[in-house]
C-alpha atoms as a PDB file:
ATOM      1  CA  MET A   1     -13.524 -27.050  -1.334  1.00  0.00           C
ATOM      2  CA  ARG A   2     -12.509 -25.523  -4.592  1.00  0.00           C
ATOM      3  CA  LYS A   3     -12.548 -21.859  -5.100  1.00  0.00           C
ATOM      4  CA  GLU A   4     -12.852 -20.390  -8.710  1.00  0.00           C
ATOM      5  CA  VAL A   5     -12.508 -16.833  -9.892  1.00  0.00           C
ATOM      6  CA  GLY A   6     -13.529 -16.241 -13.449  1.00  0.00           C
ATOM      7  CA  PHE A   7     -11.360 -13.901 -15.436  1.00  0.00           C
ATOM      8  CA  GLY A   8     -11.677 -13.305 -19.232  1.00  0.00           C
ATOM      9  CA  GLY A   9     -13.614 -16.596 -19.857  1.00  0.00           C
ATOM     10  CA  LYS A  10     -10.812 -18.444 -18.013  1.00  0.00           C
ATOM     11  CA  VAL A  11     -11.074 -20.055 -14.585  1.00  0.00           C
ATOM     12  CA  ILE A  12      -8.516 -19.299 -11.856  1.00  0.00           C
ATOM     13  CA  SER A  13      -8.712 -22.300  -9.335  1.00  0.00           C
ATOM     14  CA  ASN A  14      -7.058 -22.899  -5.998  1.00  0.00           C
ATOM     15  CA  GLU A  15      -4.351 -24.751  -7.885  1.00  0.00           C
ATOM     16  CA  VAL A  16      -3.188 -21.237  -9.548  1.00  0.00           C
ATOM     17  CA  LEU A  17      -3.675 -19.552  -6.200  1.00  0.00           C
ATOM     18  CA  LYS A  18      -1.230 -22.147  -4.660  1.00  0.00           C
ATOM     19  CA  ASN A  19       1.496 -20.384  -6.798  1.00  0.00           C
ATOM     20  CA  CYS A  20       0.941 -17.024  -5.034  1.00  0.00           C
ATOM     21  CA  HIS A  21       3.836 -16.704  -2.587  1.00  0.00           C
ATOM     22  CA  LYS A  22       4.836 -13.972  -0.076  1.00  0.00           C
ATOM     23  CA  GLY A  23       7.011 -11.360  -2.001  1.00  0.00           C
ATOM     24  CA  GLU A  24       5.899 -12.944  -5.426  1.00  0.00           C
ATOM     25  CA  PRO A  25       3.097 -11.119  -6.997  1.00  0.00           C
ATOM     26  CA  VAL A  26       1.407 -13.326  -9.793  1.00  0.00           C
ATOM     27  CA  TYR A  27       0.301 -11.097 -12.800  1.00  0.00           C
ATOM     28  CA  LEU A  28      -2.720 -12.059 -14.585  1.00  0.00           C
ATOM     29  CA  THR A  29      -2.824 -11.186 -18.279  1.00  0.00           C
ATOM     30  CA  LYS A  30      -5.336 -11.208 -21.314  1.00  0.00           C
ATOM     31  CA  ASN A  31      -4.126 -10.658 -24.643  1.00  0.00           C
ATOM     32  CA  VAL A  32      -0.726 -10.056 -23.289  1.00  0.00           C
ATOM     33  CA  ARG A  33      -1.944  -7.228 -21.408  1.00  0.00           C
ATOM     34  CA  GLY A  34      -1.873  -6.846 -17.716  1.00  0.00           C
ATOM     35  CA  GLY A  35      -5.210  -7.070 -15.957  1.00  0.00           C
ATOM     36  CA  PHE A  36      -4.961  -7.973 -12.339  1.00  0.00           C
ATOM     37  CA  VAL A  37      -2.182  -8.630  -9.646  1.00  0.00           C
ATOM     38  CA  VAL A  38      -2.811 -11.579  -7.099  1.00  0.00           C
ATOM     39  CA  VAL A  39      -0.453 -10.858  -4.062  1.00  0.00           C
ATOM     40  CA  ASP A  40      -0.213 -12.331  -0.531  1.00  0.00           C
ATOM     41  CA  ILE A  41      -2.488 -10.375   1.940  1.00  0.00           C
ATOM     42  CA  GLU A  42       0.456  -9.598   4.197  1.00  0.00           C
ATOM     43  CA  ASP A  43       2.325  -7.926   1.301  1.00  0.00           C
ATOM     44  CA  TYR A  44      -0.937  -6.030   0.375  1.00  0.00           C
ATOM     45  CA  GLU A  45      -1.281  -4.569   3.820  1.00  0.00           C
ATOM     46  CA  ARG A  46       2.248  -3.721   4.101  1.00  0.00           C
ATOM     47  CA  ASP A  47       2.337  -1.928   0.734  1.00  0.00           C
ATOM     48  CA  HIS A  48      -1.083  -0.031   1.783  1.00  0.00           C
ATOM     49  CA  ALA A  49       0.442   0.815   4.993  1.00  0.00           C
ATOM     50  CA  GLU A  50       3.712   2.178   3.244  1.00  0.00           C
ATOM     51  CA  LYS A  51       1.471   4.224   0.931  1.00  0.00           C
ATOM     52  CA  LYS A  52      -0.482   5.701   3.866  1.00  0.00           C
ATOM     53  CA  LEU A  53       2.647   6.791   5.487  1.00  0.00           C
ATOM     54  CA  LEU A  54       4.305   8.370   2.447  1.00  0.00           C
ATOM     55  CA  MET A  55       1.116  10.288   1.894  1.00  0.00           C
ATOM     56  CA  LYS A  56       1.365  11.594   5.634  1.00  0.00           C
ATOM     57  CA  LEU A  57       5.180  12.412   5.184  1.00  0.00           C
ATOM     58  CA  GLN A  58       4.297  14.302   2.050  1.00  0.00           C
ATOM     59  CA  GLU A  59       1.630  16.331   3.802  1.00  0.00           C
ATOM     60  CA  SER A  60       4.237  16.998   6.561  1.00  0.00           C
ATOM     61  CA  GLU A  61       6.761  18.091   4.065  1.00  0.00           C
ATOM     62  CA  GLU A  62       4.236  20.560   2.568  1.00  0.00           C
ATOM     63  CA  VAL A  63       3.537  22.091   5.923  1.00  0.00           C
ATOM     64  CA  VAL A  64       7.361  22.646   6.453  1.00  0.00           C
ATOM     65  CA  LYS A  65       7.576  24.147   3.132  1.00  0.00           C
ATOM     66  CA  ASP A  66       4.920  26.741   4.365  1.00  0.00           C
ATOM     67  CA  CYS A  67       6.889  27.217   7.636  1.00  0.00           C
ATOM     68  CA  GLU A  68       3.683  26.235   9.673  1.00  0.00           C
ATOM     69  CA  GLY A  69       3.728  23.919  12.472  1.00  0.00           C
ATOM     70  CA  TRP A  70       7.257  24.835  13.494  1.00  0.00           C
ATOM     71  CA  LEU A  71       8.083  26.082  16.928  1.00  0.00           C
ATOM     72  CA  ASN A  72      11.082  27.889  18.067  1.00  0.00           C
ATOM     73  CA  LEU A  73      12.848  26.945  21.416  1.00  0.00           C
ATOM     74  CA  ASP A  74      10.976  29.952  23.143  1.00  0.00           C
ATOM     75  CA  GLU A  75       7.621  28.754  22.250  1.00  0.00           C
ATOM     76  CA  LEU A  76       8.342  25.099  22.878  1.00  0.00           C
ATOM     77  CA  LYS A  77       9.269  26.147  26.455  1.00  0.00           C
ATOM     78  CA  VAL A  78       5.961  27.757  27.126  1.00  0.00           C
ATOM     79  CA  MET A  79       4.021  24.836  25.823  1.00  0.00           C
ATOM     80  CA  VAL A  80       6.128  22.535  28.013  1.00  0.00           C
ATOM     81  CA  GLU A  81       5.558  24.719  31.136  1.00  0.00           C
ATOM     82  CA  GLU A  82       1.955  24.974  30.700  1.00  0.00           C
END
């Protein structure tokens, strides 16, 4: 079965999609301007997970800057004993 995706009056067929390989994004342009990027699904999912992780790390850094969420040793001992 041949799958076709329209883009700017052109057709992207399975033949073009076969050129998409893991770790090698394919950039689709129109009039020399970037329009879309076709990437391997595993690459997309990894990049998406990395982005979510970086956002969580940034949130954590902001909490640390505000000195919220940190426990001193005595507070930690009390929590562990409970």
